[in-house]
């Protein structure tokens, strides 16, 4: 049975030109966080695939059932399908989507033209936080917080771009998955366009600097001064869109 997506959270597939772009949202984030950027890329004439990772775009309770391997394998399948029908490919990812993008880039090697990462999640969780989460999950706690929690967007903080709850049960597996991704980073040879918010209340920007220091390809690092974590729908969104389109034109040329 197909999942019942929240309004605006459906997967996006647009057939455009010969070059394809995979767009990945973040952990517990709604796909609406990436839809404007995906639409801009599609409107520029590219073929675009924006899958909804398992447990996302539906309900927080749904997400509790899934783990890192589910997110990773879904992204791999979406990339493989896109690469099979496109001459060249690139990947754009936000937060955990940036971490998954790094994994896919290492896996694809020189086949991949470029990666765009916005506030990527690479460094996992602090050990004390991870221990508390594992204890809570062992005690049967899968959700934490309130559904009206701010989505870490400076400009539109009154809008919901995530489930609001902290969905705890998948997090230990995501932490371990990111350990493996970090080991893969030297295999990333594609050009990287990296956006990092100076002020981010969700992911330390040390994840960005770590990513930039470990990949083998060229890196263009852009610091965002007027956005928080979900920068793709924040005040710097127009710059992200413009720089991303310029980057894609360069790596596909």
C-alpha atoms as a PDB file:
ATOM      1  CA  UNK A   1       0.000   0.000   0.000  1.00  0.00           C
ATOM      2  CA  UNK A   2       1.350   3.421  -0.971  1.00  0.00           C
ATOM      3  CA  UNK A   3       2.009   5.813   1.922  1.00  0.00           C
ATOM      4  CA  UNK A   4      -0.355   8.721   2.497  1.00  0.00           C
ATOM      5  CA  UNK A   5       1.878  11.765   2.107  1.00  0.00           C
ATOM      6  CA  UNK A   6       1.295  15.070   3.823  1.00  0.00           C
ATOM      7  CA  UNK A   7       0.365  17.893   1.396  1.00  0.00           C
ATOM      8  CA  UNK A   8       3.370  18.932  -0.665  1.00  0.00           C
ATOM      9  CA  UNK A   9       5.483  15.992   0.544  1.00  0.00           C
ATOM     10  CA  UNK A  10       5.079  13.717  -2.437  1.00  0.00           C
ATOM     11  CA  UNK A  11       8.175  12.537  -4.328  1.00  0.00           C
ATOM     12  CA  UNK A  12       9.141  14.565  -7.387  1.00  0.00           C
ATOM     13  CA  UNK A  13      10.202  13.181 -10.750  1.00  0.00           C
ATOM     14  CA  UNK A  14      10.717  15.528 -13.694  1.00  0.00           C
ATOM     15  CA  UNK A  15      12.113  14.417 -17.037  1.00  0.00           C
ATOM     16  CA  UNK A  16      14.189  17.162 -18.578  1.00  0.00           C
ATOM     17  CA  UNK A  17      17.499  17.125 -20.385  1.00  0.00           C
ATOM     18  CA  UNK A  18      20.235  14.494 -20.525  1.00  0.00           C
ATOM     19  CA  UNK A  19      21.788  15.507 -17.188  1.00  0.00           C
ATOM     20  CA  UNK A  20      20.124  14.392 -13.972  1.00  0.00           C
ATOM     21  CA  UNK A  21      20.103  15.676 -10.401  1.00  0.00           C
ATOM     22  CA  UNK A  22      19.135  13.659  -7.325  1.00  0.00           C
ATOM     23  CA  UNK A  23      17.719  15.818  -4.491  1.00  0.00           C
ATOM     24  CA  UNK A  24      17.719  14.492  -0.907  1.00  0.00           C
ATOM     25  CA  UNK A  25      15.969  15.925   2.147  1.00  0.00           C
ATOM     26  CA  UNK A  26      17.170  15.563   5.737  1.00  0.00           C
ATOM     27  CA  UNK A  27      16.324  13.368   8.697  1.00  0.00           C
ATOM     28  CA  UNK A  28      12.761  13.920   9.995  1.00  0.00           C
ATOM     29  CA  UNK A  29      12.555  16.895   7.646  1.00  0.00           C
ATOM     30  CA  UNK A  30       9.602  17.209   5.335  1.00  0.00           C
ATOM     31  CA  UNK A  31      10.367  17.042   1.599  1.00  0.00           C
ATOM     32  CA  UNK A  32       8.938  20.574   1.382  1.00  0.00           C
ATOM     33  CA  UNK A  33      12.365  21.744   2.619  1.00  0.00           C
ATOM     34  CA  UNK A  34      13.863  20.776  -0.749  1.00  0.00           C
ATOM     35  CA  UNK A  35      10.946  21.285  -3.104  1.00  0.00           C
ATOM     36  CA  UNK A  36      11.748  24.931  -4.052  1.00  0.00           C
ATOM     37  CA  UNK A  37      15.353  24.026  -4.888  1.00  0.00           C
ATOM     38  CA  UNK A  38      14.282  20.902  -6.781  1.00  0.00           C
ATOM     39  CA  UNK A  39      11.761  22.958  -8.762  1.00  0.00           C
ATOM     40  CA  UNK A  40      14.438  25.539  -9.615  1.00  0.00           C
ATOM     41  CA  UNK A  41      16.737  22.799 -10.886  1.00  0.00           C
ATOM     42  CA  UNK A  42      13.938  21.241 -12.943  1.00  0.00           C
ATOM     43  CA  UNK A  43      12.961  24.626 -14.358  1.00  0.00           C
ATOM     44  CA  UNK A  44      16.561  25.041 -15.526  1.00  0.00           C
ATOM     45  CA  UNK A  45      16.022  22.031 -17.782  1.00  0.00           C
ATOM     46  CA  UNK A  46      17.558  19.174 -15.808  1.00  0.00           C
ATOM     47  CA  UNK A  47      16.032  15.791 -15.140  1.00  0.00           C
ATOM     48  CA  UNK A  48      15.241  15.733 -11.406  1.00  0.00           C
ATOM     49  CA  UNK A  49      14.515  12.935  -8.957  1.00  0.00           C
ATOM     50  CA  UNK A  50      13.532  13.836  -5.397  1.00  0.00           C
ATOM     51  CA  UNK A  51      12.593  10.652  -3.549  1.00  0.00           C
ATOM     52  CA  UNK A  52      10.907  10.655  -0.165  1.00  0.00           C
ATOM     53  CA  UNK A  53      13.103   8.630   2.166  1.00  0.00           C
ATOM     54  CA  UNK A  54      11.274   5.886   4.125  1.00  0.00           C
ATOM     55  CA  UNK A  55       9.190   7.198   7.016  1.00  0.00           C
ATOM     56  CA  UNK A  56       9.301  10.809   5.845  1.00  0.00           C
ATOM     57  CA  UNK A  57       6.511  13.027   4.574  1.00  0.00           C
ATOM     58  CA  UNK A  58       3.897  10.944   6.373  1.00  0.00           C
ATOM     59  CA  UNK A  59       3.991  10.871  10.192  1.00  0.00           C
ATOM     60  CA  UNK A  60       6.491  10.814  13.029  1.00  0.00           C
ATOM     61  CA  UNK A  61       5.166   7.417  14.104  1.00  0.00           C
ATOM     62  CA  UNK A  62       5.897   6.089  10.629  1.00  0.00           C
ATOM     63  CA  UNK A  63       9.527   7.212  10.849  1.00  0.00           C
ATOM     64  CA  UNK A  64      10.105   5.264  14.082  1.00  0.00           C
ATOM     65  CA  UNK A  65       9.985   2.022  12.073  1.00  0.00           C
ATOM     66  CA  UNK A  66      12.977   2.778   9.851  1.00  0.00           C
ATOM     67  CA  UNK A  67      16.760   2.844  10.201  1.00  0.00           C
ATOM     68  CA  UNK A  68      19.848   4.179   8.425  1.00  0.00           C
ATOM     69  CA  UNK A  69      20.053   1.212   6.059  1.00  0.00           C
ATOM     70  CA  UNK A  70      16.523   1.945   4.874  1.00  0.00           C
ATOM     71  CA  UNK A  71      17.398   5.591   4.107  1.00  0.00           C
ATOM     72  CA  UNK A  72      20.707   4.654   2.470  1.00  0.00           C
ATOM     73  CA  UNK A  73      19.292   1.867   0.309  1.00  0.00           C
ATOM     74  CA  UNK A  74      16.358   4.022  -0.854  1.00  0.00           C
ATOM     75  CA  UNK A  75      18.775   6.775  -1.896  1.00  0.00           C
ATOM     76  CA  UNK A  76      21.007   4.260  -3.658  1.00  0.00           C
ATOM     77  CA  UNK A  77      18.057   2.886  -5.612  1.00  0.00           C
ATOM     78  CA  UNK A  78      16.940   6.384  -6.612  1.00  0.00           C
ATOM     79  CA  UNK A  79      20.456   7.319  -7.720  1.00  0.00           C
ATOM     80  CA  UNK A  80      20.929   4.121  -9.710  1.00  0.00           C
ATOM     81  CA  UNK A  81      17.616   4.633 -11.490  1.00  0.00           C
ATOM     82  CA  UNK A  82      18.525   8.233 -12.347  1.00  0.00           C
ATOM     83  CA  UNK A  83      22.076   7.411 -13.456  1.00  0.00           C
ATOM     84  CA  UNK A  84      20.807   4.633 -15.723  1.00  0.00           C
ATOM     85  CA  UNK A  85      18.838   7.100 -17.837  1.00  0.00           C
ATOM     86  CA  UNK A  86      21.023  10.211 -17.674  1.00  0.00           C
ATOM     87  CA  UNK A  87      24.311  11.044 -19.366  1.00  0.00           C
ATOM     88  CA  UNK A  88      25.740  12.700 -16.249  1.00  0.00           C
ATOM     89  CA  UNK A  89      24.516  13.057 -12.680  1.00  0.00           C
ATOM     90  CA  UNK A  90      24.858  15.275  -9.630  1.00  0.00           C
ATOM     91  CA  UNK A  91      23.437  15.104  -6.113  1.00  0.00           C
ATOM     92  CA  UNK A  92      22.017  17.817  -3.856  1.00  0.00           C
ATOM     93  CA  UNK A  93      21.428  17.072  -0.161  1.00  0.00           C
ATOM     94  CA  UNK A  94      20.363  18.879   3.010  1.00  0.00           C
ATOM     95  CA  UNK A  95      21.444  17.777   6.498  1.00  0.00           C
ATOM     96  CA  UNK A  96      21.312  13.965   6.622  1.00  0.00           C
ATOM     97  CA  UNK A  97      20.653  14.162   2.899  1.00  0.00           C
ATOM     98  CA  UNK A  98      24.106  15.717   2.625  1.00  0.00           C
ATOM     99  CA  UNK A  99      25.586  12.792   4.532  1.00  0.00           C
ATOM    100  CA  UNK A 100      23.789  10.326   2.285  1.00  0.00           C
ATOM    101  CA  UNK A 101      24.972  12.327  -0.734  1.00  0.00           C
ATOM    102  CA  UNK A 102      28.568  11.900   0.443  1.00  0.00           C
ATOM    103  CA  UNK A 103      28.022   8.144   0.667  1.00  0.00           C
ATOM    104  CA  UNK A 104      26.578   8.059  -2.841  1.00  0.00           C
ATOM    105  CA  UNK A 105      29.437  10.201  -4.155  1.00  0.00           C
ATOM    106  CA  UNK A 106      32.024   7.817  -2.717  1.00  0.00           C
ATOM    107  CA  UNK A 107      30.110   4.893  -4.195  1.00  0.00           C
ATOM    108  CA  UNK A 108      29.806   6.511  -7.645  1.00  0.00           C
ATOM    109  CA  UNK A 109      33.397   7.742  -7.867  1.00  0.00           C
ATOM    110  CA  UNK A 110      34.319   9.507 -11.104  1.00  0.00           C
ATOM    111  CA  UNK A 111      30.902   8.687 -12.553  1.00  0.00           C
ATOM    112  CA  UNK A 112      29.431  11.574 -10.504  1.00  0.00           C
ATOM    113  CA  UNK A 113      29.831  15.140 -11.794  1.00  0.00           C
ATOM    114  CA  UNK A 114      29.182  17.080  -8.584  1.00  0.00           C
ATOM    115  CA  UNK A 115      27.697  17.296  -5.097  1.00  0.00           C
ATOM    116  CA  UNK A 116      25.867  20.174  -3.428  1.00  0.00           C
ATOM    117  CA  UNK A 117      25.609  19.846   0.364  1.00  0.00           C
ATOM    118  CA  UNK A 118      23.633  22.249   2.553  1.00  0.00           C
ATOM    119  CA  UNK A 119      24.462  22.049   6.273  1.00  0.00           C
ATOM    120  CA  UNK A 120      25.405  18.382   5.881  1.00  0.00           C
ATOM    121  CA  UNK A 121      25.286  15.982   8.813  1.00  0.00           C
ATOM    122  CA  UNK A 122      28.557  14.045   8.974  1.00  0.00           C
ATOM    123  CA  UNK A 123      29.774  13.995  12.578  1.00  0.00           C
ATOM    124  CA  UNK A 124      26.989  12.000  14.174  1.00  0.00           C
ATOM    125  CA  UNK A 125      25.858  12.561  17.760  1.00  0.00           C
ATOM    126  CA  UNK A 126      27.901  13.432  20.858  1.00  0.00           C
ATOM    127  CA  UNK A 127      28.527  10.260  22.850  1.00  0.00           C
ATOM    128  CA  UNK A 128      26.640  11.511  25.927  1.00  0.00           C
ATOM    129  CA  UNK A 129      23.620  12.427  23.802  1.00  0.00           C
ATOM    130  CA  UNK A 130      23.770   9.087  22.000  1.00  0.00           C
ATOM    131  CA  UNK A 131      23.809   7.265  25.357  1.00  0.00           C
ATOM    132  CA  UNK A 132      20.710   9.147  26.535  1.00  0.00           C
ATOM    133  CA  UNK A 133      18.893   8.358  23.288  1.00  0.00           C
ATOM    134  CA  UNK A 134      19.775   4.674  23.479  1.00  0.00           C
ATOM    135  CA  UNK A 135      18.553   4.563  27.085  1.00  0.00           C
ATOM    136  CA  UNK A 136      15.293   6.276  26.131  1.00  0.00           C
ATOM    137  CA  UNK A 137      14.697   3.949  23.178  1.00  0.00           C
ATOM    138  CA  UNK A 138      15.446   0.906  25.338  1.00  0.00           C
ATOM    139  CA  UNK A 139      12.771   2.196  27.717  1.00  0.00           C
ATOM    140  CA  UNK A 140      10.201   2.435  24.946  1.00  0.00           C
ATOM    141  CA  UNK A 141      10.443   6.180  24.222  1.00  0.00           C
ATOM    142  CA  UNK A 142      10.437   6.734  20.462  1.00  0.00           C
ATOM    143  CA  UNK A 143       9.349  10.401  20.225  1.00  0.00           C
ATOM    144  CA  UNK A 144      10.464  13.419  22.225  1.00  0.00           C
ATOM    145  CA  UNK A 145       9.213  17.007  22.282  1.00  0.00           C
ATOM    146  CA  UNK A 146       6.116  18.683  20.929  1.00  0.00           C
ATOM    147  CA  UNK A 147       4.728  18.696  17.388  1.00  0.00           C
ATOM    148  CA  UNK A 148       4.880  22.503  17.180  1.00  0.00           C
ATOM    149  CA  UNK A 149       8.656  22.654  17.787  1.00  0.00           C
ATOM    150  CA  UNK A 150      10.384  25.290  15.621  1.00  0.00           C
ATOM    151  CA  UNK A 151      11.952  23.891  12.450  1.00  0.00           C
ATOM    152  CA  UNK A 152      15.232  25.843  12.783  1.00  0.00           C
ATOM    153  CA  UNK A 153      14.317  28.358  10.092  1.00  0.00           C
ATOM    154  CA  UNK A 154      15.208  31.948  10.895  1.00  0.00           C
ATOM    155  CA  UNK A 155      12.961  33.714   8.396  1.00  0.00           C
ATOM    156  CA  UNK A 156       9.865  31.500   8.546  1.00  0.00           C
ATOM    157  CA  UNK A 157      10.109  30.034  12.007  1.00  0.00           C
ATOM    158  CA  UNK A 158       6.331  29.832  12.320  1.00  0.00           C
ATOM    159  CA  UNK A 159       6.102  27.281   9.500  1.00  0.00           C
ATOM    160  CA  UNK A 160       6.620  23.558   9.906  1.00  0.00           C
ATOM    161  CA  UNK A 161       9.336  21.942   7.827  1.00  0.00           C
ATOM    162  CA  UNK A 162       9.719  18.850   9.999  1.00  0.00           C
ATOM    163  CA  UNK A 163       7.646  16.529  12.153  1.00  0.00           C
ATOM    164  CA  UNK A 164       8.457  18.744  15.133  1.00  0.00           C
ATOM    165  CA  UNK A 165       9.091  15.775  17.376  1.00  0.00           C
ATOM    166  CA  UNK A 166      12.583  14.400  17.839  1.00  0.00           C
ATOM    167  CA  UNK A 167      12.164  10.886  16.427  1.00  0.00           C
ATOM    168  CA  UNK A 168      14.593   8.918  18.577  1.00  0.00           C
ATOM    169  CA  UNK A 169      14.512   5.270  17.557  1.00  0.00           C
ATOM    170  CA  UNK A 170      16.347   5.569  14.197  1.00  0.00           C
ATOM    171  CA  UNK A 171      19.073   7.885  15.540  1.00  0.00           C
ATOM    172  CA  UNK A 172      21.563   5.297  16.866  1.00  0.00           C
ATOM    173  CA  UNK A 173      21.597   3.615  13.460  1.00  0.00           C
ATOM    174  CA  UNK A 174      22.061   6.987  11.722  1.00  0.00           C
ATOM    175  CA  UNK A 175      24.978   7.713  14.049  1.00  0.00           C
ATOM    176  CA  UNK A 176      26.644   4.431  13.092  1.00  0.00           C
ATOM    177  CA  UNK A 177      25.859   4.959   9.426  1.00  0.00           C
ATOM    178  CA  UNK A 178      27.620   8.315   9.478  1.00  0.00           C
ATOM    179  CA  UNK A 179      30.702   6.678  10.999  1.00  0.00           C
ATOM    180  CA  UNK A 180      30.918   4.543   7.862  1.00  0.00           C
ATOM    181  CA  UNK A 181      30.334   7.566   5.605  1.00  0.00           C
ATOM    182  CA  UNK A 182      33.213   9.456   7.209  1.00  0.00           C
ATOM    183  CA  UNK A 183      35.534   6.571   6.372  1.00  0.00           C
ATOM    184  CA  UNK A 184      34.432   6.810   2.727  1.00  0.00           C
ATOM    185  CA  UNK A 185      35.073  10.532   2.248  1.00  0.00           C
ATOM    186  CA  UNK A 186      38.530  10.265   0.619  1.00  0.00           C
ATOM    187  CA  UNK A 187      36.824   8.337  -2.183  1.00  0.00           C
ATOM    188  CA  UNK A 188      34.685  11.389  -3.023  1.00  0.00           C
ATOM    189  CA  UNK A 189      36.311  12.821  -6.154  1.00  0.00           C
ATOM    190  CA  UNK A 190      33.383  14.854  -7.516  1.00  0.00           C
ATOM    191  CA  UNK A 191      33.420  18.634  -7.171  1.00  0.00           C
ATOM    192  CA  UNK A 192      31.681  19.810  -4.003  1.00  0.00           C
ATOM    193  CA  UNK A 193      29.644  22.978  -3.464  1.00  0.00           C
ATOM    194  CA  UNK A 194      29.168  23.324   0.283  1.00  0.00           C
ATOM    195  CA  UNK A 195      26.770  25.718   2.016  1.00  0.00           C
ATOM    196  CA  UNK A 196      27.111  26.235   5.765  1.00  0.00           C
ATOM    197  CA  UNK A 197      25.035  28.448   8.048  1.00  0.00           C
ATOM    198  CA  UNK A 198      27.041  30.448  10.569  1.00  0.00           C
ATOM    199  CA  UNK A 199      24.242  29.876  13.077  1.00  0.00           C
ATOM    200  CA  UNK A 200      22.767  26.381  13.095  1.00  0.00           C
ATOM    201  CA  UNK A 201      20.841  24.993  16.077  1.00  0.00           C
ATOM    202  CA  UNK A 202      20.545  21.457  14.680  1.00  0.00           C
ATOM    203  CA  UNK A 203      23.910  20.395  13.241  1.00  0.00           C
ATOM    204  CA  UNK A 204      27.312  21.764  14.244  1.00  0.00           C
ATOM    205  CA  UNK A 205      28.989  23.474  11.308  1.00  0.00           C
ATOM    206  CA  UNK A 206      32.038  21.399  12.199  1.00  0.00           C
ATOM    207  CA  UNK A 207      30.356  18.724  10.059  1.00  0.00           C
ATOM    208  CA  UNK A 208      30.825  20.985   7.038  1.00  0.00           C
ATOM    209  CA  UNK A 209      34.451  21.767   7.744  1.00  0.00           C
ATOM    210  CA  UNK A 210      35.144  18.070   8.334  1.00  0.00           C
ATOM    211  CA  UNK A 211      33.551  17.163   5.002  1.00  0.00           C
ATOM    212  CA  UNK A 212      35.529  19.842   3.183  1.00  0.00           C
ATOM    213  CA  UNK A 213      38.794  18.630   4.697  1.00  0.00           C
ATOM    214  CA  UNK A 214      38.327  14.956   3.864  1.00  0.00           C
ATOM    215  CA  UNK A 215      37.030  14.748   0.280  1.00  0.00           C
ATOM    216  CA  UNK A 216      39.468  14.417  -2.609  1.00  0.00           C
ATOM    217  CA  UNK A 217      37.680  16.608  -5.135  1.00  0.00           C
ATOM    218  CA  UNK A 218      37.596  20.392  -5.408  1.00  0.00           C
ATOM    219  CA  UNK A 219      35.587  22.265  -2.758  1.00  0.00           C
ATOM    220  CA  UNK A 220      33.768  25.591  -2.939  1.00  0.00           C
ATOM    221  CA  UNK A 221      32.648  26.543   0.569  1.00  0.00           C
ATOM    222  CA  UNK A 222      29.950  29.219   0.940  1.00  0.00           C
ATOM    223  CA  UNK A 223      29.071  30.548   4.400  1.00  0.00           C
ATOM    224  CA  UNK A 224      25.453  31.664   4.907  1.00  0.00           C
ATOM    225  CA  UNK A 225      24.995  34.653   7.197  1.00  0.00           C
ATOM    226  CA  UNK A 226      21.202  34.985   7.364  1.00  0.00           C
ATOM    227  CA  UNK A 227      19.857  31.423   7.623  1.00  0.00           C
ATOM    228  CA  UNK A 228      19.693  28.673  10.211  1.00  0.00           C
ATOM    229  CA  UNK A 229      19.750  24.926   9.601  1.00  0.00           C
ATOM    230  CA  UNK A 230      17.007  24.582   6.983  1.00  0.00           C
ATOM    231  CA  UNK A 231      18.670  27.157   4.765  1.00  0.00           C
ATOM    232  CA  UNK A 232      16.963  25.915   1.591  1.00  0.00           C
ATOM    233  CA  UNK A 233      13.748  27.659   2.696  1.00  0.00           C
ATOM    234  CA  UNK A 234      15.363  30.462   4.684  1.00  0.00           C
ATOM    235  CA  UNK A 235      16.593  33.946   3.786  1.00  0.00           C
ATOM    236  CA  UNK A 236      19.598  32.631   1.841  1.00  0.00           C
ATOM    237  CA  UNK A 237      17.505  30.330  -0.361  1.00  0.00           C
ATOM    238  CA  UNK A 238      17.813  32.580  -3.456  1.00  0.00           C
ATOM    239  CA  UNK A 239      21.602  32.487  -3.178  1.00  0.00           C
ATOM    240  CA  UNK A 240      21.596  28.716  -2.732  1.00  0.00           C
ATOM    241  CA  UNK A 241      19.438  28.312  -5.836  1.00  0.00           C
ATOM    242  CA  UNK A 242      21.540  30.686  -7.968  1.00  0.00           C
ATOM    243  CA  UNK A 243      24.879  29.231  -6.870  1.00  0.00           C
ATOM    244  CA  UNK A 244      23.603  25.674  -7.304  1.00  0.00           C
ATOM    245  CA  UNK A 245      22.430  26.323 -10.864  1.00  0.00           C
ATOM    246  CA  UNK A 246      25.758  27.965 -11.691  1.00  0.00           C
ATOM    247  CA  UNK A 247      27.614  25.014 -10.181  1.00  0.00           C
ATOM    248  CA  UNK A 248      25.553  22.469 -12.109  1.00  0.00           C
ATOM    249  CA  UNK A 249      26.203  24.320 -15.352  1.00  0.00           C
ATOM    250  CA  UNK A 250      29.937  24.198 -14.626  1.00  0.00           C
ATOM    251  CA  UNK A 251      30.186  20.525 -13.636  1.00  0.00           C
ATOM    252  CA  UNK A 252      27.982  19.370 -16.502  1.00  0.00           C
ATOM    253  CA  UNK A 253      29.882  21.399 -19.119  1.00  0.00           C
END
